Amino acid sequence: MMLAKLNKFMSRENGAVSADWVVLTAAVAGFCIAFIVELRSDATSLSFLTQRYLEAQDPQAAAGGMIQD
């Protein structure tokens, strides 16, 4: 009797499906977080380089020397 109940318990797959979804959801969330972190660092680097480039420009020379103070 006890062996039959144990076999029945071991053959059920109801909990296995929810465990699969938990693992899958955790993996997707982890990939999303990693992607956002990587994207943020690239965007920060690009904005820093753009800022340095713009600060190095001379607006007086770009306007052909026509700007008067």
PDB file of N, CA and C in Angstrom:
ATOM      1  N   MET A   1       0.822  -1.195   0.000  1.00  0.00           N
ATOM      2  CA  MET A   1       0.000   0.000   0.000  1.00  0.00           C
ATOM      3  C   MET A   1       0.871   1.265   0.000  1.00  0.00           C
ATOM      4  N   MET A   2       1.850   1.313   0.876  1.00  0.00           N
ATOM      5  CA  MET A   2       2.712   2.478   0.978  1.00  0.00           C
ATOM      6  C   MET A   2       3.571   2.633  -0.276  1.00  0.00           C
ATOM      7  N   LEU A   3       4.027   1.532  -0.842  1.00  0.00           N
ATOM      8  CA  LEU A   3       4.837   1.569  -2.055  1.00  0.00           C
ATOM      9  C   LEU A   3       4.027   2.101  -3.236  1.00  0.00           C
ATOM     10  N   ALA A   4       2.761   1.746  -3.313  1.00  0.00           N
ATOM     11  CA  ALA A   4       1.899   2.241  -4.389  1.00  0.00           C
ATOM     12  C   ALA A   4       1.711   3.754  -4.277  1.00  0.00           C
ATOM     13  N   LYS A   5       1.541   4.258  -3.058  1.00  0.00           N
ATOM     14  CA  LYS A   5       1.391   5.702  -2.861  1.00  0.00           C
ATOM     15  C   LYS A   5       2.685   6.438  -3.225  1.00  0.00           C
ATOM     16  N   LEU A   6       3.809   5.836  -2.871  1.00  0.00           N
ATOM     17  CA  LEU A   6       5.090   6.446  -3.194  1.00  0.00           C
ATOM     18  C   LEU A   6       5.303   6.498  -4.709  1.00  0.00           C
ATOM     19  N   ASN A   7       4.973   5.411  -5.397  1.00  0.00           N
ATOM     20  CA  ASN A   7       5.099   5.384  -6.857  1.00  0.00           C
ATOM     21  C   ASN A   7       4.186   6.417  -7.509  1.00  0.00           C
ATOM     22  N   LYS A   8       2.967   6.547  -6.984  1.00  0.00           N
ATOM     23  CA  LYS A   8       2.019   7.518  -7.525  1.00  0.00           C
ATOM     24  C   LYS A   8       2.547   8.941  -7.311  1.00  0.00           C
ATOM     25  N   PHE A   9       3.093   9.194  -6.133  1.00  0.00           N
ATOM     26  CA  PHE A   9       3.648  10.513  -5.831  1.00  0.00           C
ATOM     27  C   PHE A   9       4.827  10.832  -6.755  1.00  0.00           C
ATOM     28  N   MET A  10       5.689   9.864  -6.990  1.00  0.00           N
ATOM     29  CA  MET A  10       6.873  10.087  -7.815  1.00  0.00           C
ATOM     30  C   MET A  10       6.532  10.261  -9.293  1.00  0.00           C
ATOM     31  N   SER A  11       5.394   9.724  -9.730  1.00  0.00           N
ATOM     32  CA  SER A  11       5.042   9.812 -11.144  1.00  0.00           C
ATOM     33  C   SER A  11       4.254  11.078 -11.482  1.00  0.00           C
ATOM     34  N   ARG A  12       3.791  11.804 -10.477  1.00  0.00           N
ATOM     35  CA  ARG A  12       3.052  13.043 -10.748  1.00  0.00           C
ATOM     36  C   ARG A  12       4.003  14.115 -11.268  1.00  0.00           C
ATOM     37  N   GLU A  13       3.512  14.921 -12.192  1.00  0.00           N
ATOM     38  CA  GLU A  13       4.337  15.965 -12.786  1.00  0.00           C
ATOM     39  C   GLU A  13       3.749  17.354 -12.590  1.00  0.00           C
ATOM     40  N   ASN A  14       2.785  17.511 -11.726  1.00  0.00           N
ATOM     41  CA  ASN A  14       2.148  18.815 -11.536  1.00  0.00           C
ATOM     42  C   ASN A  14       3.140  19.861 -11.051  1.00  0.00           C
ATOM     43  N   GLY A  15       3.922  19.541 -10.071  1.00  0.00           N
ATOM     44  CA  GLY A  15       4.882  20.492  -9.516  1.00  0.00           C
ATOM     45  C   GLY A  15       6.068  20.734 -10.427  1.00  0.00           C
ATOM     46  N   ALA A  16       6.389  19.775 -11.262  1.00  0.00           N
ATOM     47  CA  ALA A  16       7.551  19.907 -12.140  1.00  0.00           C
ATOM     48  C   ALA A  16       7.355  21.022 -13.162  1.00  0.00           C
ATOM     49  N   VAL A  17       6.131  21.182 -13.635  1.00  0.00           N
ATOM     50  CA  VAL A  17       5.861  22.226 -14.620  1.00  0.00           C
ATOM     51  C   VAL A  17       6.061  23.603 -14.000  1.00  0.00           C
ATOM     52  N   SER A  18       5.579  23.794 -12.787  1.00  0.00           N
ATOM     53  CA  SER A  18       5.755  25.102 -12.146  1.00  0.00           C
ATOM     54  C   SER A  18       7.227  25.350 -11.819  1.00  0.00           C
ATOM     55  N   ALA A  19       7.952  24.324 -11.471  1.00  0.00           N
ATOM     56  CA  ALA A  19       9.390  24.486 -11.215  1.00  0.00           C
ATOM     57  C   ALA A  19      10.120  24.879 -12.496  1.00  0.00           C
ATOM     58  N   ASP A  20       9.721  24.297 -13.624  1.00  0.00           N
ATOM     59  CA  ASP A  20      10.315  24.673 -14.912  1.00  0.00           C
ATOM     60  C   ASP A  20      10.067  26.144 -15.218  1.00  0.00           C
ATOM     61  N   TRP A  21       8.851  26.602 -14.958  1.00  0.00           N
ATOM     62  CA  TRP A  21       8.519  28.003 -15.219  1.00  0.00           C
ATOM     63  C   TRP A  21       9.303  28.937 -14.311  1.00  0.00           C
ATOM     64  N   VAL A  22       9.511  28.541 -13.084  1.00  0.00           N
ATOM     65  CA  VAL A  22      10.285  29.373 -12.157  1.00  0.00           C
ATOM     66  C   VAL A  22      11.722  29.508 -12.659  1.00  0.00           C
ATOM     67  N   VAL A  23      12.321  28.417 -13.063  1.00  0.00           N
ATOM     68  CA  VAL A  23      13.699  28.450 -13.566  1.00  0.00           C
ATOM     69  C   VAL A  23      13.776  29.256 -14.859  1.00  0.00           C
ATOM     70  N   LEU A  24      12.825  29.046 -15.758  1.00  0.00           N
ATOM     71  CA  LEU A  24      12.811  29.776 -17.024  1.00  0.00           C
ATOM     72  C   LEU A  24      12.635  31.275 -16.795  1.00  0.00           C
ATOM     73  N   THR A  25      11.723  31.640 -15.915  1.00  0.00           N
ATOM     74  CA  THR A  25      11.494  33.057 -15.615  1.00  0.00           C
ATOM     75  C   THR A  25      12.721  33.691 -14.972  1.00  0.00           C
ATOM     76  N   ALA A  26      13.369  32.978 -14.077  1.00  0.00           N
ATOM     77  CA  ALA A  26      14.585  33.498 -13.445  1.00  0.00           C
ATOM     78  C   ALA A  26      15.692  33.697 -14.480  1.00  0.00           C
ATOM     79  N   ALA A  27      15.809  32.778 -15.419  1.00  0.00           N
ATOM     80  CA  ALA A  27      16.831  32.909 -16.464  1.00  0.00           C
ATOM     81  C   ALA A  27      16.552  34.116 -17.356  1.00  0.00           C
ATOM     82  N   VAL A  28      15.308  34.293 -17.754  1.00  0.00           N
ATOM     83  CA  VAL A  28      14.948  35.441 -18.594  1.00  0.00           C
ATOM     84  C   VAL A  28      15.194  36.746 -17.841  1.00  0.00           C
ATOM     85  N   ALA A  29      14.817  36.799 -16.575  1.00  0.00           N
ATOM     86  CA  ALA A  29      15.046  38.006 -15.771  1.00  0.00           C
ATOM     87  C   ALA A  29      16.542  38.289 -15.644  1.00  0.00           C
ATOM     88  N   GLY A  30      17.340  37.262 -15.449  1.00  0.00           N
ATOM     89  CA  GLY A  30      18.789  37.440 -15.356  1.00  0.00           C
ATOM     90  C   GLY A  30      19.391  37.974 -16.645  1.00  0.00           C
ATOM     91  N   PHE A  31      18.949  37.434 -17.784  1.00  0.00           N
ATOM     92  CA  PHE A  31      19.440  37.928 -19.065  1.00  0.00           C
ATOM     93  C   PHE A  31      19.030  39.378 -19.295  1.00  0.00           C
ATOM     94  N   CYS A  32      17.811  39.730 -18.903  1.00  0.00           N
ATOM     95  CA  CYS A  32      17.352  41.114 -19.062  1.00  0.00           C
ATOM     96  C   CYS A  32      18.182  42.067 -18.214  1.00  0.00           C
ATOM     97  N   ILE A  33      18.456  41.686 -16.994  1.00  0.00           N
ATOM     98  CA  ILE A  33      19.263  42.535 -16.115  1.00  0.00           C
ATOM     99  C   ILE A  33      20.673  42.693 -16.679  1.00  0.00           C
ATOM    100  N   ALA A  34      21.258  41.602 -17.148  1.00  0.00           N
ATOM    101  CA  ALA A  34      22.605  41.677 -17.728  1.00  0.00           C
ATOM    102  C   ALA A  34      22.620  42.566 -18.972  1.00  0.00           C
ATOM    103  N   PHE A  35      21.588  42.469 -19.791  1.00  0.00           N
ATOM    104  CA  PHE A  35      21.490  43.286 -21.001  1.00  0.00           C
ATOM    105  C   PHE A  35      21.373  44.766 -20.652  1.00  0.00           C
ATOM    106  N   ILE A  36      20.546  45.086 -19.665  1.00  0.00           N
ATOM    107  CA  ILE A  36      20.351  46.483 -19.266  1.00  0.00           C
ATOM    108  C   ILE A  36      21.638  47.059 -18.687  1.00  0.00           C
ATOM    109  N   VAL A  37      22.330  46.282 -17.873  1.00  0.00           N
ATOM    110  CA  VAL A  37      23.593  46.759 -17.292  1.00  0.00           C
ATOM    111  C   VAL A  37      24.611  47.035 -18.394  1.00  0.00           C
ATOM    112  N   GLU A  38      24.711  46.139 -19.351  1.00  0.00           N
ATOM    113  CA  GLU A  38      25.665  46.318 -20.448  1.00  0.00           C
ATOM    114  C   GLU A  38      25.275  47.506 -21.318  1.00  0.00           C
ATOM    115  N   LEU A  39      24.005  47.642 -21.608  1.00  0.00           N
ATOM    116  CA  LEU A  39      23.532  48.752 -22.430  1.00  0.00           C
ATOM    117  C   LEU A  39      23.772  50.082 -21.731  1.00  0.00           C
ATOM    118  N   ARG A  40      23.573  50.114 -20.430  1.00  0.00           N
ATOM    119  CA  ARG A  40      23.765  51.352 -19.675  1.00  0.00           C
ATOM    120  C   ARG A  40      25.237  51.776 -19.692  1.00  0.00           C
ATOM    121  N   SER A  41      26.131  50.826 -19.515  1.00  0.00           N
ATOM    122  CA  SER A  41      27.555  51.189 -19.516  1.00  0.00           C
ATOM    123  C   SER A  41      27.991  51.679 -20.892  1.00  0.00           C
ATOM    124  N   ASP A  42      27.467  51.076 -21.957  1.00  0.00           N
ATOM    125  CA  ASP A  42      27.805  51.543 -23.302  1.00  0.00           C
ATOM    126  C   ASP A  42      27.248  52.938 -23.556  1.00  0.00           C
ATOM    127  N   ALA A  43      26.029  53.193 -23.112  1.00  0.00           N
ATOM    128  CA  ALA A  43      25.422  54.506 -23.312  1.00  0.00           C
ATOM    129  C   ALA A  43      26.169  55.573 -22.521  1.00  0.00           C
ATOM    130  N   THR A  44      26.590  55.238 -21.317  1.00  0.00           N
ATOM    131  CA  THR A  44      27.350  56.189 -20.501  1.00  0.00           C
ATOM    132  C   THR A  44      28.679  56.513 -21.170  1.00  0.00           C
ATOM    133  N   SER A  45      29.342  55.508 -21.685  1.00  0.00           N
ATOM    134  CA  SER A  45      30.617  55.723 -22.372  1.00  0.00           C
ATOM    135  C   SER A  45      30.422  56.588 -23.613  1.00  0.00           C
ATOM    136  N   LEU A  46      29.377  56.314 -24.379  1.00  0.00           N
ATOM    137  CA  LEU A  46      29.115  57.086 -25.591  1.00  0.00           C
ATOM    138  C   LEU A  46      28.783  58.534 -25.257  1.00  0.00           C
ATOM    139  N   SER A  47      27.993  58.759 -24.215  1.00  0.00           N
ATOM    140  CA  SER A  47      27.654  60.136 -23.854  1.00  0.00           C
ATOM    141  C   SER A  47      28.890  60.887 -23.352  1.00  0.00           C
ATOM    142  N   PHE A  48      29.784  60.203 -22.650  1.00  0.00           N
ATOM    143  CA  PHE A  48      31.023  60.842 -22.193  1.00  0.00           C
ATOM    144  C   PHE A  48      31.886  61.245 -23.387  1.00  0.00           C
ATOM    145  N   LEU A  49      32.012  60.358 -24.365  1.00  0.00           N
ATOM    146  CA  LEU A  49      32.811  60.683 -25.551  1.00  0.00           C
ATOM    147  C   LEU A  49      32.192  61.832 -26.340  1.00  0.00           C
ATOM    148  N   THR A  50      30.875  61.861 -26.433  1.00  0.00           N
ATOM    149  CA  THR A  50      30.193  62.953 -27.125  1.00  0.00           C
ATOM    150  C   THR A  50      30.416  64.272 -26.404  1.00  0.00           C
ATOM    151  N   GLN A  51      30.342  64.243 -25.081  1.00  0.00           N
ATOM    152  CA  GLN A  51      30.576  65.451 -24.288  1.00  0.00           C
ATOM    153  C   GLN A  51      31.998  65.966 -24.505  1.00  0.00           C
ATOM    154  N   ARG A  52      32.971  65.079 -24.479  1.00  0.00           N
ATOM    155  CA  ARG A  52      34.367  65.495 -24.695  1.00  0.00           C
ATOM    156  C   ARG A  52      34.558  66.107 -26.079  1.00  0.00           C
ATOM    157  N   TYR A  53      33.924  65.515 -27.083  1.00  0.00           N
ATOM    158  CA  TYR A  53      34.039  66.034 -28.445  1.00  0.00           C
ATOM    159  C   TYR A  53      33.426  67.430 -28.544  1.00  0.00           C
ATOM    160  N   LEU A  54      32.235  67.598 -27.973  1.00  0.00           N
ATOM    161  CA  LEU A  54      31.566  68.894 -28.060  1.00  0.00           C
ATOM    162  C   LEU A  54      32.310  69.978 -27.284  1.00  0.00           C
ATOM    163  N   GLU A  55      32.890  69.627 -26.156  1.00  0.00           N
ATOM    164  CA  GLU A  55      33.657  70.606 -25.382  1.00  0.00           C
ATOM    165  C   GLU A  55      34.921  71.038 -26.119  1.00  0.00           C
ATOM    166  N   ALA A  56      35.449  70.181 -26.964  1.00  0.00           N
ATOM    167  CA  ALA A  56      36.676  70.499 -27.695  1.00  0.00           C
ATOM    168  C   ALA A  56      36.417  71.394 -28.905  1.00  0.00           C
ATOM    169  N   GLN A  57      35.170  71.540 -29.309  1.00  0.00           N
ATOM    170  CA  GLN A  57      34.853  72.342 -30.490  1.00  0.00           C
ATOM    171  C   GLN A  57      34.865  73.832 -30.151  1.00  0.00           C
ATOM    172  N   ASP A  58      35.226  74.625 -31.127  1.00  0.00           N
ATOM    173  CA  ASP A  58      35.245  76.080 -30.968  1.00  0.00           C
ATOM    174  C   ASP A  58      34.077  76.661 -31.764  1.00  0.00           C
ATOM    175  N   PRO A  59      33.037  77.148 -31.082  1.00  0.00           N
ATOM    176  CA  PRO A  59      31.883  77.669 -31.813  1.00  0.00           C
ATOM    177  C   PRO A  59      32.230  78.904 -32.646  1.00  0.00           C
ATOM    178  N   GLN A  60      33.198  79.670 -32.222  1.00  0.00           N
ATOM    179  CA  GLN A  60      33.620  80.864 -32.971  1.00  0.00           C
ATOM    180  C   GLN A  60      34.168  80.445 -34.339  1.00  0.00           C
ATOM    181  N   ALA A  61      35.005  79.429 -34.335  1.00  0.00           N
ATOM    182  CA  ALA A  61      35.595  78.962 -35.592  1.00  0.00           C
ATOM    183  C   ALA A  61      34.555  78.265 -36.457  1.00  0.00           C
ATOM    184  N   ALA A  62      33.622  77.573 -35.840  1.00  0.00           N
ATOM    185  CA  ALA A  62      32.595  76.868 -36.603  1.00  0.00           C
ATOM    186  C   ALA A  62      31.676  77.845 -37.318  1.00  0.00           C
ATOM    187  N   ALA A  63      31.481  79.037 -36.746  1.00  0.00           N
ATOM    188  CA  ALA A  63      30.624  80.044 -37.368  1.00  0.00           C
ATOM    189  C   ALA A  63      31.409  80.937 -38.325  1.00  0.00           C
ATOM    190  N   GLY A  64      32.630  80.610 -38.571  1.00  0.00           N
ATOM    191  CA  GLY A  64      33.449  81.402 -39.486  1.00  0.00           C
ATOM    192  C   GLY A  64      33.924  82.702 -38.870  1.00  0.00           C
ATOM    193  N   GLY A  65      33.968  82.755 -37.542  1.00  0.00           N
ATOM    194  CA  GLY A  65      34.438  83.956 -36.861  1.00  0.00           C
ATOM    195  C   GLY A  65      33.419  85.077 -36.847  1.00  0.00           C
ATOM    196  N   MET A  66      32.159  84.779 -37.129  1.00  0.00           N
ATOM    197  CA  MET A  66      31.137  85.813 -37.243  1.00  0.00           C
ATOM    198  C   MET A  66      30.394  86.090 -35.937  1.00  0.00           C
ATOM    199  N   ILE A  67      30.710  85.373 -34.870  1.00  0.00           N
ATOM    200  CA  ILE A  67      29.999  85.570 -33.607  1.00  0.00           C
ATOM    201  C   ILE A  67      30.646  86.729 -32.860  1.00  0.00           C
ATOM    202  N   GLN A  68      29.834  87.667 -32.427  1.00  0.00           N
ATOM    203  CA  GLN A  68      30.344  88.800 -31.661  1.00  0.00           C
ATOM    204  C   GLN A  68      29.795  88.726 -30.252  1.00  0.00           C
ATOM    205  N   ASP A  69      30.618  89.037 -29.295  1.00  0.00           N
ATOM    206  CA  ASP A  69      30.187  89.008 -27.894  1.00  0.00           C
ATOM    207  C   ASP A  69      29.484  90.283 -27.520  1.00  0.00           C
TER     208      ASP A  69
END
